[in-house]
Amino acid sequence: MFNFSMNFGGGPGFGGGQQSNYPSNYPSYGGYNSGPPPPPGGGYGAFGQSAYNNHTSYGGQGGFGGFGGQMGGGFPALQQMHGSYPMGQCPPPPPPQPPSSYNMHGYQQQAMDGYEQQMQRQMYQQMGFRAPTAPQAQGGGGEEPEEQPEEEQEDKRDIDEEVKERMKMIFIDELSRRYAVSSTFEMAQGTVVPMMKYPEDDIVVAFYKAERDEDLTGKDWDPEADCEYLREAMKGLGTDESIITTIVGTRCNAQRQRLKEMFKTMYGRDLIEDIKSELSGDYKGAILACFVSPAEFDARCIKRAIYGAGTDEQALIEILMTRTNAQIKEMRSIYGQVARPDEVTYETLIEKDIEDDCSGDFNRLLIAASQGNRYEISREKLEESVEEVTNANGDGTGMYRIDYTKLCDIGKAKRDAKRLFEAGEDRWGTDEETFNLIFSTRDFYQLRAVYEQYVKITQANIINAIDEETSGSFKKGLAAIAMSVMNRPKYFAKKLVKSMKGLGTDEETLIRIIASRSEIDMMQIKAEFLDMTNKTLWRWIKEDTSFNFKNILQALVGRD
């Protein structure tokens, strides 16, 4: 049974509109770091900044301000649909769905380029320009768009150099936003999105119609209305868990933080304490996990992994090896308050706790990861790596792609691959320090280049070297880094399979992954899960769990 019933009040550094270092990709709830701004029509109040959220949005506030506002505020056809979805269903992705694999070579690279360029063509069309055609001779990928009727093309303007340059900057801004969330430039999509306006079939709409004689359909999301129905669900004898499941499963983390504040303001009651007293078992653990801000959730999971009976090495590996620098640093900054709330602590407490609980090379790998100091790709290098796609005649098309070879230093990658070979397969014993140094410091694209060069030297991939040259938790930690670098959704999909395969269910891992990834890359994780098992994650949850616990997990991952 997963009992996550520690203090879940407003976590330190969250709420009240304070900014979070966990990059938010939702519309701003009281300021934003790297995410797109609210859609036209205003913001959404002083919400505490959410983290671990991923919403693709080309364009943005004032994007092409000098062009009659046509670029301002983003593009409905390209933004994620910010709305509410029926229970058990996830938000539809913008067509076409980007490839789930993060292999940036061959077919997958062409598929990603084709997706990006189709998005850019749609943007040009919405701006009133003639959309460029896909330059298939350049490996752009994707299908050739249908020719528009001449009468529809007559009013389209040609794309000039200034427009192209602004499109390039929008593309770079979008790539920077993605990088802040995941340390990669690949597209990812969560299954939980903010509710911007109430859809007709939302349960709070039905409640308000019946009890308040007011129709909320199409109106902005209102935390007061949600809180009224939550109170109704828990008031008196018994609890209507379906109400709690639906509201929690269809509101994003930042909105749940707002619900905690509003509930106390309206009733003088603590929503989390009411939930604790009304719910039980793994269902309670899953609901409480959804009400914790992401950095605090990570800190609590690490505390539980260290302070609980024994050491949960897998939880430590999963969190510290897959988060971005900014996410680790924010988690690290509040870890002391979470781990020892009644003591005056210090920022390096997490290092001391790891050192006291782990040992050897694994201890050093975890401490290295807990610094949040891995090299990162600079904005300048990104700009140098983005290039205009040309057609068969060598003319610029006004569409842009990344030249991934420019993101890394191939010479350095060859030297690092040689060092790994000499530290492992080419000697008696293993120089674990060299593995730690390279795996803990290089950015993801540099590591990909290192892994490619390693194959050329040894005719085996890096996982083979890790398996043969290392052991125990140190081996598992290195493998987690390598898998996260090559395909992070696949890494999480494998962990989900393992949590439900065979006798018994690892509810703690199931909750931790679904709660933490539902707003980042759950769509890609589900695609990898389906590829591995030939069943959807939704169906696997249905067959492996039961009752309200099953319902909340299915609500978070979506049916399709």
Foldseek 3Di string as FASTA:
>chain_A
DDDPQDDLAAAPQWFQLGEALQAAQAARQNDGDQHAHAAPDDHDYSFTGFHLFAKFFQAHACLVVVLVCLRHRTDPLQTFDFAFDPFLFFGDHRPPDQALFPPCDDPNVLSQLLVQLVSVQVSLVSSQAHRFWQQVVQSNHDDTDDDDPPVSHPRHHYDDPVNLVSSLVSLLSSQVSLCSNFVGSGHFFFREHAHQFHAQPQPLQVVCCVPVVDGRHRPGDDLVSLLVVCCVQQPDPAGDLVSLLSVLLHHAQSSLSVNQVVNCVVPVDGSSVSLVVRDDDLLSVLSSLSNHRQLLSLLSQCLCQQVPDAHDLVSLLQPLLGGALSSLQSSLVRSCCNNPVPDDDDSCVSLVSLPVRDDDLLSVLSSLSSNSAADHQDSVLQSVQKDFDAHPVRHGRSGIDGPLVSREDLVVLLVLLVVQCCQFVVDDAGPSVSLSVVLSHYRLSSVVSNQVNNCVVPVDGPLVRLVRHHDDSSSVSSVQNVCSSRRVLLSLLVVCCVQQPDPDGVSVSLSSSLSSNNSHHLVSNQVNNCVVPVDGPLVSLVVRDDDSSNSSSSSSNHND
